[in-house]
Amino acid sequence: MAKLKLEDGTEIEAFTAEEVQAKIEAETGGLKAKVDELLGESKSAKQRAKELEESQQQAEEERQRQAGEFKSLYDKTKAELEAERDAARKFREQIQAKDIDSEAYKLAASLTKDTKRAELLAKEARQYAKYTEEGVQFEIGGVAIEADKLAEKFKADYSFLVDGSGASGGGAAGNHGGGAAPVKGKVDGNKDERAAYYAQKFDLTKD
């Protein structure tokens, strides 16, 4: 400390500037340390919060990535299953169509040995054929019938295509004795008109 003399001669002791500064630093040193500690803790908390946020963001990105991969795998698997089902369906339809063709031609072959006429009869027979759990079945108006019943119908409706019916293509359809005018062919006409149509279209004027 330094001694100072006042105007009245009194001497007093006073702190020097260095001592005052030292005392201030001593008084405030603890506070500064506390402030530094708090600042350090605040900085550490912010750092931890930032790290936590980054960790959460990484976890969310990973979750989205895995979800995207799962969806991609799911969509791929679903598409493959649908493709397999479609291929199986088409294969079944091909087998069914072949079975229908086989039964239709079998019926036609029982009515005529002529190839052209058999093809025409088979084409008509397909329209009455339906594939069921029991196999190929013929129906008329939604009612199941045996193949021989459909054959009888064809003998009546398409006698000009059936062997041994007494009707031979264009001769039966086109001539009705004398100089009668030939019947004009018509696919959806009466029996004689249908006979003329098929005879003219497929050259069935000769047995």
Protein backbone atom coordinates (compact mmCIF):
# COMPACT_ATOMS: atom_id res chain seq x y z
CA MET A 1 0.00 0.00 0.00
CA ALA A 2 1.13 3.62 -0.48
CA LYS A 3 1.00 6.46 2.06
CA LEU A 4 -0.61 9.69 0.99
CA LYS A 5 -0.58 13.03 2.85
CA LEU A 6 -3.67 15.09 2.76
CA GLU A 7 -3.67 18.92 2.68
CA ASP A 8 -4.20 19.04 6.42
CA GLY A 9 -1.10 16.96 6.93
CA THR A 10 -2.90 13.75 7.67
CA GLU A 11 -1.32 10.66 6.29
CA ILE A 12 -3.42 7.85 4.97
CA GLU A 13 -2.69 4.59 3.36
CA ALA A 14 -4.16 3.93 -0.09
CA PHE A 15 -4.00 1.10 -2.57
CA THR A 16 -1.85 1.56 -5.59
CA ALA A 17 -3.33 1.09 -9.06
CA GLU A 18 -1.64 -2.28 -9.28
CA GLU A 19 -3.08 -3.33 -5.92
CA VAL A 20 -6.56 -2.17 -6.94
CA GLN A 21 -6.28 -4.11 -10.18
CA ALA A 22 -5.07 -7.15 -8.34
CA LYS A 23 -7.90 -6.90 -5.83
CA ILE A 24 -10.44 -6.53 -8.63
CA GLU A 25 -9.04 -9.53 -10.34
CA ALA A 26 -9.12 -11.45 -7.08
CA GLU A 27 -12.72 -10.47 -6.48
CA THR A 28 -13.85 -11.19 -10.00
CA GLY A 29 -11.61 -14.14 -10.74
CA GLY A 30 -14.05 -16.61 -9.23
CA LEU A 31 -16.94 -15.06 -11.13
CA LYS A 32 -15.01 -15.16 -14.40
CA ALA A 33 -14.13 -18.77 -13.78
CA LYS A 34 -17.79 -19.51 -13.14
CA VAL A 35 -18.79 -17.66 -16.30
CA ASP A 36 -16.18 -19.57 -18.28
CA GLU A 37 -17.47 -22.80 -16.78
CA LEU A 38 -21.04 -21.92 -17.73
CA LEU A 39 -19.97 -20.91 -21.21
CA GLY A 40 -18.13 -24.18 -21.55
CA GLU A 41 -21.16 -26.11 -20.40
CA SER A 42 -23.37 -24.16 -22.82
CA LYS A 43 -20.98 -24.88 -25.67
CA SER A 44 -20.86 -28.54 -24.69
CA ALA A 45 -24.68 -28.70 -24.54
CA LYS A 46 -24.97 -27.11 -27.97
CA GLN A 47 -22.42 -29.58 -29.31
CA ARG A 48 -24.33 -32.50 -27.79
CA ALA A 49 -27.60 -31.14 -29.20
CA LYS A 50 -25.99 -30.82 -32.62
CA GLU A 51 -24.60 -34.34 -32.42
CA LEU A 52 -27.99 -35.67 -31.32
CA GLU A 53 -29.71 -33.87 -34.21
CA GLU A 54 -27.18 -35.25 -36.67
CA SER A 55 -27.62 -38.74 -35.22
CA GLN A 56 -31.41 -38.49 -35.52
CA GLN A 57 -31.10 -37.22 -39.10
CA GLN A 58 -28.79 -40.11 -40.01
CA ALA A 59 -31.21 -42.57 -38.40
CA GLU A 60 -34.13 -41.09 -40.38
CA GLU A 61 -32.14 -41.23 -43.62
CA GLU A 62 -31.28 -44.87 -42.93
CA ARG A 63 -34.92 -45.64 -42.14
CA GLN A 64 -36.04 -44.03 -45.40
CA ARG A 65 -33.33 -45.87 -47.33
CA GLN A 66 -34.39 -49.21 -45.86
CA ALA A 67 -38.05 -48.39 -46.47
CA GLY A 68 -37.23 -47.51 -50.08
CA GLU A 69 -35.31 -50.74 -50.55
CA PHE A 70 -38.16 -52.72 -49.02
CA LYS A 71 -40.71 -51.04 -51.29
CA SER A 72 -38.50 -51.65 -54.30
CA LEU A 73 -38.13 -55.32 -53.35
CA TYR A 74 -41.86 -55.59 -52.66
CA ASP A 75 -42.77 -54.03 -56.01
CA LYS A 76 -40.30 -56.28 -57.83
CA THR A 77 -41.62 -59.41 -56.10
CA LYS A 78 -45.21 -58.39 -56.77
CA ALA A 79 -44.46 -57.77 -60.47
CA GLU A 80 -42.74 -61.16 -60.75
CA LEU A 81 -45.70 -62.94 -59.12
CA GLU A 82 -48.16 -61.16 -61.40
CA ALA A 83 -46.05 -62.12 -64.43
CA GLU A 84 -46.02 -65.76 -63.28
CA ARG A 85 -49.78 -65.73 -62.74
CA ASP A 86 -50.31 -64.18 -66.16
CA ALA A 87 -48.06 -66.75 -67.81
CA ALA A 88 -49.86 -69.58 -65.99
CA ARG A 89 -53.25 -68.17 -67.01
CA LYS A 90 -52.22 -67.88 -70.66
CA PHE A 91 -50.84 -71.43 -70.57
CA ARG A 92 -54.11 -72.74 -69.12
CA GLU A 93 -56.10 -70.87 -71.74
CA GLN A 94 -53.94 -72.34 -74.51
CA ILE A 95 -54.46 -75.86 -73.14
CA GLN A 96 -58.18 -75.25 -72.81
CA ALA A 97 -58.40 -73.87 -76.35
CA LYS A 98 -56.58 -76.93 -77.69
CA ASP A 99 -58.94 -79.24 -75.78
CA ILE A 100 -61.96 -77.36 -77.17
CA ASP A 101 -60.54 -77.56 -80.70
CA SER A 102 -59.90 -81.29 -80.25
CA GLU A 103 -63.45 -82.04 -79.06
CA ALA A 104 -65.02 -79.81 -81.71
CA TYR A 105 -63.07 -81.49 -84.50
CA LYS A 106 -63.83 -84.94 -83.04
CA LEU A 107 -67.53 -84.16 -83.29
CA ALA A 108 -67.13 -82.79 -86.82
CA ALA A 109 -65.14 -85.85 -87.92
CA SER A 110 -67.97 -88.07 -86.74
CA LEU A 111 -70.28 -86.29 -89.21
CA THR A 112 -68.10 -86.11 -92.32
CA LYS A 113 -64.84 -87.42 -93.70
CA ASP A 114 -64.45 -84.41 -95.98
CA THR A 115 -61.73 -82.13 -94.58
CA LYS A 116 -63.30 -78.83 -95.67
CA ARG A 117 -66.71 -79.76 -94.33
CA ALA A 118 -65.19 -81.05 -91.09
CA GLU A 119 -63.42 -77.71 -90.56
CA LEU A 120 -66.69 -75.83 -91.05
CA LEU A 121 -68.54 -78.11 -88.65
CA ALA A 122 -65.73 -77.85 -86.10
CA LYS A 123 -65.90 -74.06 -86.31
CA GLU A 124 -69.62 -74.20 -85.54
CA ALA A 125 -69.08 -76.74 -82.75
CA ARG A 126 -66.58 -74.44 -80.98
CA GLN A 127 -69.36 -71.90 -80.48
CA TYR A 128 -71.22 -74.44 -78.34
CA ALA A 129 -68.14 -75.64 -76.43
CA LYS A 130 -67.19 -74.46 -72.97
CA TYR A 131 -64.32 -75.48 -70.71
CA THR A 132 -65.39 -76.57 -67.21
CA GLU A 133 -63.77 -78.30 -64.24
CA GLU A 134 -64.83 -81.60 -65.79
CA GLY A 135 -63.28 -80.67 -69.14
CA VAL A 136 -64.89 -79.64 -72.42
CA GLN A 137 -68.66 -79.50 -72.36
CA PHE A 138 -71.17 -78.57 -75.04
CA GLU A 139 -74.03 -76.23 -74.19
CA ILE A 140 -77.09 -74.84 -75.91
CA GLY A 141 -78.64 -71.80 -74.29
CA GLY A 142 -76.62 -72.43 -71.13
CA VAL A 143 -77.89 -76.00 -70.82
CA ALA A 144 -75.28 -78.76 -70.94
CA ILE A 145 -75.82 -81.41 -73.64
CA GLU A 146 -74.00 -84.50 -74.79
CA ALA A 147 -71.89 -84.41 -77.94
CA ASP A 148 -74.28 -86.74 -79.76
CA LYS A 149 -77.16 -84.31 -79.12
CA LEU A 150 -75.18 -81.51 -80.74
CA ALA A 151 -74.35 -83.87 -83.60
CA GLU A 152 -78.07 -84.45 -84.15
CA LYS A 153 -78.63 -80.69 -84.22
CA PHE A 154 -75.88 -80.29 -86.80
CA LYS A 155 -77.37 -83.05 -88.96
CA ALA A 156 -80.57 -81.04 -89.06
CA ASP A 157 -79.07 -77.54 -89.37
CA TYR A 158 -76.08 -78.38 -91.56
CA SER A 159 -77.23 -81.47 -93.45
CA PHE A 160 -75.44 -80.18 -96.55
CA LEU A 161 -72.13 -80.64 -94.66
CA VAL A 162 -72.92 -84.09 -93.24
CA ASP A 163 -72.00 -87.30 -95.08
CA GLY A 164 -74.91 -89.48 -96.19
CA SER A 165 -77.50 -86.76 -95.65
CA GLY A 166 -78.64 -86.76 -99.27
CA ALA A 167 -77.74 -83.06 -99.60
CA SER A 168 -74.59 -82.32 -101.53
CA GLY A 169 -73.35 -78.77 -101.25
CA GLY A 170 -74.42 -76.46 -104.05
CA GLY A 171 -76.56 -79.11 -105.74
CA ALA A 172 -78.89 -79.34 -102.77
CA ALA A 173 -78.88 -75.65 -102.09
CA GLY A 174 -78.91 -74.39 -105.63
CA ASN A 175 -81.38 -76.65 -107.41
CA HIS A 176 -84.96 -77.38 -106.46
CA GLY A 177 -85.96 -79.23 -109.63
CA GLY A 178 -86.67 -77.93 -113.13
CA GLY A 179 -85.15 -74.62 -113.96
CA ALA A 180 -85.59 -73.09 -110.51
CA ALA A 181 -83.30 -70.15 -109.84
CA PRO A 182 -80.30 -71.03 -107.67
CA VAL A 183 -80.57 -70.05 -104.03
CA LYS A 184 -78.44 -67.04 -103.08
CA GLY A 185 -75.92 -67.87 -100.38
CA LYS A 186 -76.45 -66.20 -97.01
CA VAL A 187 -74.52 -67.13 -93.85
CA ASP A 188 -77.35 -66.17 -91.49
CA GLY A 189 -80.20 -67.22 -93.77
CA ASN A 190 -82.36 -70.32 -93.80
CA LYS A 191 -81.05 -73.82 -94.26
CA ASP A 192 -80.84 -73.69 -98.07
CA GLU A 193 -79.27 -70.20 -98.02
CA ARG A 194 -76.61 -71.34 -95.55
CA ALA A 195 -75.93 -74.41 -97.68
CA ALA A 196 -75.44 -72.23 -100.75
CA TYR A 197 -73.20 -69.82 -98.83
CA TYR A 198 -70.85 -72.54 -97.61
CA ALA A 199 -70.90 -74.36 -100.93
CA GLN A 200 -69.92 -71.20 -102.82
CA LYS A 201 -67.39 -69.97 -100.25
CA PHE A 202 -65.58 -73.27 -99.74
CA ASP A 203 -66.22 -74.94 -103.11
CA LEU A 204 -68.39 -77.75 -101.74
CA THR A 205 -70.29 -78.37 -104.94
CA LYS A 206 -68.56 -81.71 -105.29
CA ASP A 207 -68.57 -84.57 -102.78
